[in-house]
């Protein structure tokens, strides 16, 4: 038995197929940015550079419990996803 504290997925890790990582609401690699925002809502924690946009949502009372979705700026699609739950 164990407790999983987090999941990380990058599009390059999944490009050969055989494994799918699907977050709540059906968000996965290739999901359009607009669909992610519709499902998860707006967030004040946003970062953008020339390669990607990063959106992060935190649990209410646990800073170390969060979901981060990164969007490829060129395509507008999810290119990496992270979920961590180290709070209680």
PDB file of N, CA and C in Angstrom:
ATOM      1  N   UNK A   1       0.833  -1.182   0.000  1.00  0.00           N
ATOM      2  CA  UNK A   1       0.000   0.000   0.000  1.00  0.00           C
ATOM      3  C   UNK A   1       0.871   1.236   0.000  1.00  0.00           C
ATOM      4  N   UNK A   2       0.374   2.276  -0.636  1.00  0.00           N
ATOM      5  CA  UNK A   2       1.095   3.531  -0.641  1.00  0.00           C
ATOM      6  C   UNK A   2       0.135   4.665  -0.963  1.00  0.00           C
ATOM      7  N   UNK A   3       0.598   5.865  -0.734  1.00  0.00           N
ATOM      8  CA  UNK A   3      -0.153   7.058  -1.088  1.00  0.00           C
ATOM      9  C   UNK A   3       0.614   7.751  -2.199  1.00  0.00           C
ATOM     10  N   UNK A   4      -0.057   8.048  -3.289  1.00  0.00           N
ATOM     11  CA  UNK A   4       0.567   8.773  -4.393  1.00  0.00           C
ATOM     12  C   UNK A   4       0.430  10.259  -4.101  1.00  0.00           C
ATOM     13  N   UNK A   5       1.562  10.953  -4.038  1.00  0.00           N
ATOM     14  CA  UNK A   5       1.553  12.376  -3.721  1.00  0.00           C
ATOM     15  C   UNK A   5       1.456  13.269  -4.926  1.00  0.00           C
ATOM     16  N   UNK A   6       1.739  12.732  -6.124  1.00  0.00           N
ATOM     17  CA  UNK A   6       1.664  13.582  -7.297  1.00  0.00           C
ATOM     18  C   UNK A   6       1.779  12.812  -8.592  1.00  0.00           C
ATOM     19  N   UNK A   7       1.356  13.477  -9.658  1.00  0.00           N
ATOM     20  CA  UNK A   7       1.422  12.924 -11.002  1.00  0.00           C
ATOM     21  C   UNK A   7       1.959  14.020 -11.910  1.00  0.00           C
ATOM     22  N   UNK A   8       2.929  13.682 -12.748  1.00  0.00           N
ATOM     23  CA  UNK A   8       3.471  14.604 -13.740  1.00  0.00           C
ATOM     24  C   UNK A   8       3.408  13.928 -15.102  1.00  0.00           C
ATOM     25  N   UNK A   9       2.987  14.682 -16.120  1.00  0.00           N
ATOM     26  CA  UNK A   9       2.921  14.131 -17.468  1.00  0.00           C
ATOM     27  C   UNK A   9       3.331  15.200 -18.472  1.00  0.00           C
ATOM     28  N   UNK A  10       4.177  14.795 -19.411  1.00  0.00           N
ATOM     29  CA  UNK A  10       4.642  15.678 -20.480  1.00  0.00           C
ATOM     30  C   UNK A  10       4.243  15.055 -21.812  1.00  0.00           C
ATOM     31  N   UNK A  11       3.888  15.889 -22.782  1.00  0.00           N
ATOM     32  CA  UNK A  11       3.484  15.349 -24.077  1.00  0.00           C
ATOM     33  C   UNK A  11       4.572  14.490 -24.708  1.00  0.00           C
ATOM     34  N   UNK A  12       5.831  14.847 -24.525  1.00  0.00           N
ATOM     35  CA  UNK A  12       6.932  14.062 -25.104  1.00  0.00           C
ATOM     36  C   UNK A  12       7.026  12.671 -24.482  1.00  0.00           C
ATOM     37  N   UNK A  13       6.612  12.540 -23.213  1.00  0.00           N
ATOM     38  CA  UNK A  13       6.627  11.232 -22.559  1.00  0.00           C
ATOM     39  C   UNK A  13       5.536  10.303 -23.084  1.00  0.00           C
ATOM     40  N   UNK A  14       4.469  10.891 -23.606  1.00  0.00           N
ATOM     41  CA  UNK A  14       3.310  10.101 -24.002  1.00  0.00           C
ATOM     42  C   UNK A  14       3.166   9.968 -25.514  1.00  0.00           C
ATOM     43  N   UNK A  15       4.096  10.511 -26.282  1.00  0.00           N
ATOM     44  CA  UNK A  15       3.915  10.555 -27.732  1.00  0.00           C
ATOM     45  C   UNK A  15       3.972   9.198 -28.417  1.00  0.00           C
ATOM     46  N   UNK A  16       4.542   8.185 -27.794  1.00  0.00           N
ATOM     47  CA  UNK A  16       4.601   6.860 -28.413  1.00  0.00           C
ATOM     48  C   UNK A  16       3.365   6.021 -28.135  1.00  0.00           C
ATOM     49  N   UNK A  17       2.407   6.579 -27.410  1.00  0.00           N
ATOM     50  CA  UNK A  17       1.166   5.871 -27.121  1.00  0.00           C
ATOM     51  C   UNK A  17       1.329   4.862 -25.999  1.00  0.00           C
ATOM     52  N   UNK A  18       0.271   4.126 -25.738  1.00  0.00           N
ATOM     53  CA  UNK A  18       0.305   3.089 -24.728  1.00  0.00           C
ATOM     54  C   UNK A  18      -0.081   3.559 -23.343  1.00  0.00           C
ATOM     55  N   UNK A  19      -0.044   4.849 -23.100  1.00  0.00           N
ATOM     56  CA  UNK A  19      -0.399   5.379 -21.785  1.00  0.00           C
ATOM     57  C   UNK A  19      -1.159   6.681 -21.973  1.00  0.00           C
ATOM     58  N   UNK A  20      -2.254   6.816 -21.238  1.00  0.00           N
ATOM     59  CA  UNK A  20      -3.012   8.058 -21.230  1.00  0.00           C
ATOM     60  C   UNK A  20      -3.090   8.565 -19.802  1.00  0.00           C
ATOM     61  N   UNK A  21      -2.927   9.849 -19.623  1.00  0.00           N
ATOM     62  CA  UNK A  21      -3.109  10.478 -18.322  1.00  0.00           C
ATOM     63  C   UNK A  21      -4.266  11.448 -18.476  1.00  0.00           C
ATOM     64  N   UNK A  22      -5.323  11.221 -17.713  1.00  0.00           N
ATOM     65  CA  UNK A  22      -6.519  12.053 -17.815  1.00  0.00           C
ATOM     66  C   UNK A  22      -6.821  12.623 -16.435  1.00  0.00           C
ATOM     67  N   UNK A  23      -6.832  13.944 -16.343  1.00  0.00           N
ATOM     68  CA  UNK A  23      -7.133  14.647 -15.098  1.00  0.00           C
ATOM     69  C   UNK A  23      -8.643  14.839 -14.970  1.00  0.00           C
ATOM     70  N   UNK A  24      -9.119  15.219 -13.783  1.00  0.00           N
ATOM     71  CA  UNK A  24     -10.556  15.463 -13.590  1.00  0.00           C
ATOM     72  C   UNK A  24     -11.122  16.381 -14.674  1.00  0.00           C
ATOM     73  N   UNK A  25     -12.327  16.092 -15.085  1.00  0.00           N
ATOM     74  CA  UNK A  25     -12.971  16.867 -16.130  1.00  0.00           C
ATOM     75  C   UNK A  25     -12.571  16.432 -17.525  1.00  0.00           C
ATOM     76  N   UNK A  26     -11.765  15.361 -17.637  1.00  0.00           N
ATOM     77  CA  UNK A  26     -11.349  14.863 -18.932  1.00  0.00           C
ATOM     78  C   UNK A  26     -10.186  15.616 -19.551  1.00  0.00           C
ATOM     79  N   UNK A  27      -9.505  16.452 -18.773  1.00  0.00           N
ATOM     80  CA  UNK A  27      -8.361  17.208 -19.299  1.00  0.00           C
ATOM     81  C   UNK A  27      -7.185  16.264 -19.509  1.00  0.00           C
ATOM     82  N   UNK A  28      -6.596  16.331 -20.714  1.00  0.00           N
ATOM     83  CA  UNK A  28      -5.463  15.484 -21.064  1.00  0.00           C
ATOM     84  C   UNK A  28      -4.610  16.181 -22.112  1.00  0.00           C
ATOM     85  N   UNK A  29      -3.529  15.544 -22.515  1.00  0.00           N
ATOM     86  CA  UNK A  29      -2.672  16.129 -23.537  1.00  0.00           C
ATOM     87  C   UNK A  29      -3.504  16.432 -24.774  1.00  0.00           C
ATOM     88  N   UNK A  30      -3.308  17.629 -25.311  1.00  0.00           N
ATOM     89  CA  UNK A  30      -4.036  18.009 -26.513  1.00  0.00           C
ATOM     90  C   UNK A  30      -5.357  18.706 -26.267  1.00  0.00           C
ATOM     91  N   UNK A  31      -5.786  18.811 -25.009  1.00  0.00           N
ATOM     92  CA  UNK A  31      -7.016  19.543 -24.716  1.00  0.00           C
ATOM     93  C   UNK A  31      -6.782  21.027 -25.006  1.00  0.00           C
ATOM     94  N   UNK A  32      -7.699  21.700 -25.692  1.00  0.00           N
ATOM     95  CA  UNK A  32      -7.535  23.123 -25.972  1.00  0.00           C
ATOM     96  C   UNK A  32      -7.597  23.978 -24.696  1.00  0.00           C
ATOM     97  N   UNK A  33      -6.828  25.069 -24.688  1.00  0.00           N
ATOM     98  CA  UNK A  33      -6.766  25.976 -23.534  1.00  0.00           C
ATOM     99  C   UNK A  33      -8.159  26.424 -23.097  1.00  0.00           C
ATOM    100  N   UNK A  34      -9.018  26.794 -24.030  1.00  0.00           N
ATOM    101  CA  UNK A  34     -10.353  27.288 -23.694  1.00  0.00           C
ATOM    102  C   UNK A  34     -11.159  26.246 -22.923  1.00  0.00           C
ATOM    103  N   UNK A  35     -10.994  24.985 -23.283  1.00  0.00           N
ATOM    104  CA  UNK A  35     -11.708  23.908 -22.593  1.00  0.00           C
ATOM    105  C   UNK A  35     -11.192  23.738 -21.166  1.00  0.00           C
ATOM    106  N   UNK A  36      -9.876  23.867 -20.972  1.00  0.00           N
ATOM    107  CA  UNK A  36      -9.294  23.773 -19.625  1.00  0.00           C
ATOM    108  C   UNK A  36      -9.856  24.880 -18.737  1.00  0.00           C
ATOM    109  N   UNK A  37      -9.860  26.116 -19.237  1.00  0.00           N
ATOM    110  CA  UNK A  37     -10.362  27.255 -18.454  1.00  0.00           C
ATOM    111  C   UNK A  37     -11.852  27.096 -18.168  1.00  0.00           C
ATOM    112  N   UNK A  38     -12.604  26.598 -19.123  1.00  0.00           N
ATOM    113  CA  UNK A  38     -14.038  26.361 -18.910  1.00  0.00           C
ATOM    114  C   UNK A  38     -14.258  25.348 -17.799  1.00  0.00           C
ATOM    115  N   UNK A  39     -13.463  24.276 -17.786  1.00  0.00           N
ATOM    116  CA  UNK A  39     -13.643  23.214 -16.796  1.00  0.00           C
ATOM    117  C   UNK A  39     -13.095  23.579 -15.421  1.00  0.00           C
ATOM    118  N   UNK A  40     -11.942  24.259 -15.371  1.00  0.00           N
ATOM    119  CA  UNK A  40     -11.274  24.523 -14.097  1.00  0.00           C
ATOM    120  C   UNK A  40     -11.472  25.943 -13.605  1.00  0.00           C
ATOM    121  N   UNK A  41     -11.911  26.844 -14.459  1.00  0.00           N
ATOM    122  CA  UNK A  41     -12.130  28.236 -14.070  1.00  0.00           C
ATOM    123  C   UNK A  41     -10.861  29.066 -14.209  1.00  0.00           C
ATOM    124  N   UNK A  42     -11.023  30.364 -14.109  1.00  0.00           N
ATOM    125  CA  UNK A  42      -9.888  31.283 -14.180  1.00  0.00           C
ATOM    126  C   UNK A  42      -9.011  31.118 -12.938  1.00  0.00           C
ATOM    127  N   UNK A  43      -7.751  31.478 -13.051  1.00  0.00           N
ATOM    128  CA  UNK A  43      -6.831  31.430 -11.923  1.00  0.00           C
ATOM    129  C   UNK A  43      -5.968  32.677 -11.911  1.00  0.00           C
ATOM    130  N   UNK A  44      -5.606  33.125 -10.725  1.00  0.00           N
ATOM    131  CA  UNK A  44      -4.723  34.280 -10.602  1.00  0.00           C
ATOM    132  C   UNK A  44      -3.262  33.875 -10.740  1.00  0.00           C
ATOM    133  N   UNK A  45      -2.984  32.578 -10.630  1.00  0.00           N
ATOM    134  CA  UNK A  45      -1.601  32.097 -10.749  1.00  0.00           C
ATOM    135  C   UNK A  45      -1.353  31.680 -12.191  1.00  0.00           C
ATOM    136  N   UNK A  46      -0.803  32.606 -12.958  1.00  0.00           N
ATOM    137  CA  UNK A  46      -0.606  32.433 -14.393  1.00  0.00           C
ATOM    138  C   UNK A  46       0.785  32.897 -14.768  1.00  0.00           C
ATOM    139  N   UNK A  47       1.460  32.138 -15.638  1.00  0.00           N
ATOM    140  CA  UNK A  47       2.785  32.508 -16.136  1.00  0.00           C
ATOM    141  C   UNK A  47       2.800  32.253 -17.636  1.00  0.00           C
ATOM    142  N   UNK A  48       3.480  33.128 -18.382  1.00  0.00           N
ATOM    143  CA  UNK A  48       3.591  32.905 -19.819  1.00  0.00           C
ATOM    144  C   UNK A  48       4.949  33.374 -20.315  1.00  0.00           C
ATOM    145  N   UNK A  49       5.544  32.594 -21.224  1.00  0.00           N
ATOM    146  CA  UNK A  49       6.747  33.020 -21.932  1.00  0.00           C
ATOM    147  C   UNK A  49       6.544  32.688 -23.404  1.00  0.00           C
ATOM    148  N   UNK A  50       7.596  32.705 -24.183  1.00  0.00           N
ATOM    149  CA  UNK A  50       7.444  32.493 -25.629  1.00  0.00           C
ATOM    150  C   UNK A  50       7.088  31.055 -26.004  1.00  0.00           C
ATOM    151  N   UNK A  51       7.254  30.111 -25.079  1.00  0.00           N
ATOM    152  CA  UNK A  51       6.986  28.705 -25.380  1.00  0.00           C
ATOM    153  C   UNK A  51       5.676  28.172 -24.822  1.00  0.00           C
ATOM    154  N   UNK A  52       5.351  28.552 -23.599  1.00  0.00           N
ATOM    155  CA  UNK A  52       4.157  27.987 -22.979  1.00  0.00           C
ATOM    156  C   UNK A  52       3.509  28.944 -21.987  1.00  0.00           C
ATOM    157  N   UNK A  53       2.239  28.668 -21.699  1.00  0.00           N
ATOM    158  CA  UNK A  53       1.478  29.352 -20.655  1.00  0.00           C
ATOM    159  C   UNK A  53       1.219  28.337 -19.560  1.00  0.00           C
ATOM    160  N   UNK A  54       1.368  28.753 -18.323  1.00  0.00           N
ATOM    161  CA  UNK A  54       1.183  27.863 -17.187  1.00  0.00           C
ATOM    162  C   UNK A  54       0.052  28.388 -16.302  1.00  0.00           C
ATOM    163  N   UNK A  55      -0.925  27.533 -16.022  1.00  0.00           N
ATOM    164  CA  UNK A  55      -2.058  27.870 -15.158  1.00  0.00           C
ATOM    165  C   UNK A  55      -2.000  26.946 -13.942  1.00  0.00           C
ATOM    166  N   UNK A  56      -2.129  27.513 -12.741  1.00  0.00           N
ATOM    167  CA  UNK A  56      -2.069  26.700 -11.527  1.00  0.00           C
ATOM    168  C   UNK A  56      -3.262  27.012 -10.625  1.00  0.00           C
ATOM    169  N   UNK A  57      -3.907  25.958 -10.145  1.00  0.00           N
ATOM    170  CA  UNK A  57      -5.024  26.071  -9.200  1.00  0.00           C
ATOM    171  C   UNK A  57      -4.605  25.374  -7.910  1.00  0.00           C
ATOM    172  N   UNK A  58      -4.798  26.047  -6.776  1.00  0.00           N
ATOM    173  CA  UNK A  58      -4.413  25.508  -5.467  1.00  0.00           C
ATOM    174  C   UNK A  58      -5.636  25.103  -4.670  1.00  0.00           C
ATOM    175  N   UNK A  59      -5.470  24.076  -3.820  1.00  0.00           N
ATOM    176  CA  UNK A  59      -6.518  23.701  -2.880  1.00  0.00           C
ATOM    177  C   UNK A  59      -6.696  24.849  -1.892  1.00  0.00           C
ATOM    178  N   UNK A  60      -7.858  24.960  -1.317  1.00  0.00           N
ATOM    179  CA  UNK A  60      -8.191  26.102  -0.471  1.00  0.00           C
ATOM    180  C   UNK A  60      -7.223  26.353   0.672  1.00  0.00           C
ATOM    181  N   UNK A  61      -6.910  25.359   1.450  1.00  0.00           N
ATOM    182  CA  UNK A  61      -6.067  25.573   2.631  1.00  0.00           C
ATOM    183  C   UNK A  61      -4.799  24.731   2.607  1.00  0.00           C
ATOM    184  N   UNK A  62      -4.309  24.422   1.425  1.00  0.00           N
ATOM    185  CA  UNK A  62      -3.120  23.575   1.334  1.00  0.00           C
ATOM    186  C   UNK A  62      -2.292  24.006   0.129  1.00  0.00           C
ATOM    187  N   UNK A  63      -1.268  24.818   0.355  1.00  0.00           N
ATOM    188  CA  UNK A  63      -0.444  25.340  -0.729  1.00  0.00           C
ATOM    189  C   UNK A  63       0.215  24.224  -1.542  1.00  0.00           C
ATOM    190  N   UNK A  64       0.529  23.126  -0.895  1.00  0.00           N
ATOM    191  CA  UNK A  64       1.209  22.037  -1.589  1.00  0.00           C
ATOM    192  C   UNK A  64       0.250  21.071  -2.276  1.00  0.00           C
ATOM    193  N   UNK A  65      -1.004  21.421  -2.349  1.00  0.00           N
ATOM    194  CA  UNK A  65      -1.980  20.641  -3.104  1.00  0.00           C
ATOM    195  C   UNK A  65      -2.450  21.513  -4.252  1.00  0.00           C
ATOM    196  N   UNK A  66      -2.049  21.125  -5.465  1.00  0.00           N
ATOM    197  CA  UNK A  66      -2.360  21.974  -6.611  1.00  0.00           C
ATOM    198  C   UNK A  66      -2.443  21.170  -7.899  1.00  0.00           C
ATOM    199  N   UNK A  67      -2.969  21.826  -8.905  1.00  0.00           N
ATOM    200  CA  UNK A  67      -3.008  21.293 -10.262  1.00  0.00           C
ATOM    201  C   UNK A  67      -2.420  22.364 -11.175  1.00  0.00           C
ATOM    202  N   UNK A  68      -1.448  21.987 -11.985  1.00  0.00           N
ATOM    203  CA  UNK A  68      -0.846  22.899 -12.961  1.00  0.00           C
ATOM    204  C   UNK A  68      -1.022  22.319 -14.355  1.00  0.00           C
ATOM    205  N   UNK A  69      -1.519  23.145 -15.250  1.00  0.00           N
ATOM    206  CA  UNK A  69      -1.695  22.758 -16.648  1.00  0.00           C
ATOM    207  C   UNK A  69      -0.893  23.735 -17.498  1.00  0.00           C
ATOM    208  N   UNK A  70      -0.028  23.206 -18.359  1.00  0.00           N
ATOM    209  CA  UNK A  70       0.777  24.037 -19.249  1.00  0.00           C
ATOM    210  C   UNK A  70       0.247  23.908 -20.671  1.00  0.00           C
ATOM    211  N   UNK A  71       0.166  25.058 -21.343  1.00  0.00           N
ATOM    212  CA  UNK A  71      -0.370  25.137 -22.693  1.00  0.00           C
ATOM    213  C   UNK A  71       0.736  25.574 -23.643  1.00  0.00           C
ATOM    214  N   UNK A  72       0.925  24.860 -24.734  1.00  0.00           N
ATOM    215  CA  UNK A  72       1.873  25.256 -25.774  1.00  0.00           C
ATOM    216  C   UNK A  72       1.342  26.526 -26.438  1.00  0.00           C
ATOM    217  N   UNK A  73       2.137  27.596 -26.438  1.00  0.00           N
ATOM    218  CA  UNK A  73       1.699  28.884 -26.972  1.00  0.00           C
ATOM    219  C   UNK A  73       1.372  28.781 -28.466  1.00  0.00           C
ATOM    220  N   UNK A  74       2.156  28.026 -29.197  1.00  0.00           N
ATOM    221  CA  UNK A  74       1.967  27.917 -30.649  1.00  0.00           C
ATOM    222  C   UNK A  74       0.677  27.191 -31.023  1.00  0.00           C
ATOM    223  N   UNK A  75       0.387  26.089 -30.330  1.00  0.00           N
ATOM    224  CA  UNK A  75      -0.778  25.276 -30.696  1.00  0.00           C
ATOM    225  C   UNK A  75      -2.023  25.596 -29.875  1.00  0.00           C
ATOM    226  N   UNK A  76      -1.849  26.142 -28.661  1.00  0.00           N
ATOM    227  CA  UNK A  76      -2.984  26.391 -27.776  1.00  0.00           C
ATOM    228  C   UNK A  76      -3.502  25.141 -27.104  1.00  0.00           C
ATOM    229  N   UNK A  77      -2.682  24.077 -27.085  1.00  0.00           N
ATOM    230  CA  UNK A  77      -3.101  22.795 -26.525  1.00  0.00           C
ATOM    231  C   UNK A  77      -2.264  22.421 -25.303  1.00  0.00           C
ATOM    232  N   UNK A  78      -2.858  21.613 -24.412  1.00  0.00           N
ATOM    233  CA  UNK A  78      -2.144  21.138 -23.228  1.00  0.00           C
ATOM    234  C   UNK A  78      -0.899  20.368 -23.653  1.00  0.00           C
ATOM    235  N   UNK A  79       0.261  20.741 -23.050  1.00  0.00           N
ATOM    236  CA  UNK A  79       1.517  20.051 -23.368  1.00  0.00           C
ATOM    237  C   UNK A  79       2.149  19.409 -22.136  1.00  0.00           C
ATOM    238  N   UNK A  80       1.719  19.787 -20.922  1.00  0.00           N
ATOM    239  CA  UNK A  80       2.163  19.106 -19.706  1.00  0.00           C
ATOM    240  C   UNK A  80       1.161  19.365 -18.594  1.00  0.00           C
ATOM    241  N   UNK A  81       1.117  18.417 -17.639  1.00  0.00           N
ATOM    242  CA  UNK A  81       0.140  18.484 -16.547  1.00  0.00           C
ATOM    243  C   UNK A  81       0.794  17.965 -15.277  1.00  0.00           C
ATOM    244  N   UNK A  82       0.478  18.615 -14.167  1.00  0.00           N
ATOM    245  CA  UNK A  82       1.020  18.222 -12.875  1.00  0.00           C
ATOM    246  C   UNK A  82      -0.094  18.296 -11.837  1.00  0.00           C
ATOM    247  N   UNK A  83      -0.151  17.310 -10.979  1.00  0.00           N
ATOM    248  CA  UNK A  83      -1.090  17.344  -9.863  1.00  0.00           C
ATOM    249  C   UNK A  83      -0.347  16.840  -8.638  1.00  0.00           C
ATOM    250  N   UNK A  84      -0.422  17.590  -7.568  1.00  0.00           N
ATOM    251  CA  UNK A  84       0.283  17.250  -6.332  1.00  0.00           C
ATOM    252  C   UNK A  84      -0.682  17.388  -5.170  1.00  0.00           C
ATOM    253  N   UNK A  85      -0.605  16.469  -4.227  1.00  0.00           N
ATOM    254  CA  UNK A  85      -1.465  16.530  -3.046  1.00  0.00           C
ATOM    255  C   UNK A  85      -0.645  16.146  -1.818  1.00  0.00           C
ATOM    256  N   UNK A  86       0.057  17.123  -1.253  1.00  0.00           N
ATOM    257  CA  UNK A  86       0.837  16.878  -0.046  1.00  0.00           C
ATOM    258  C   UNK A  86       0.176  17.477   1.181  1.00  0.00           C
ATOM    259  N   UNK A  87      -1.029  18.000   1.020  1.00  0.00           N
ATOM    260  CA  UNK A  87      -1.773  18.554   2.148  1.00  0.00           C
ATOM    261  C   UNK A  87      -2.718  17.529   2.701  1.00  0.00           C
ATOM    262  N   UNK A  88      -3.491  17.926   3.659  1.00  0.00           N
ATOM    263  CA  UNK A  88      -4.462  17.017   4.250  1.00  0.00           C
ATOM    264  C   UNK A  88      -5.854  17.469   3.953  1.00  0.00           C
TER     265      UNK A  88
END
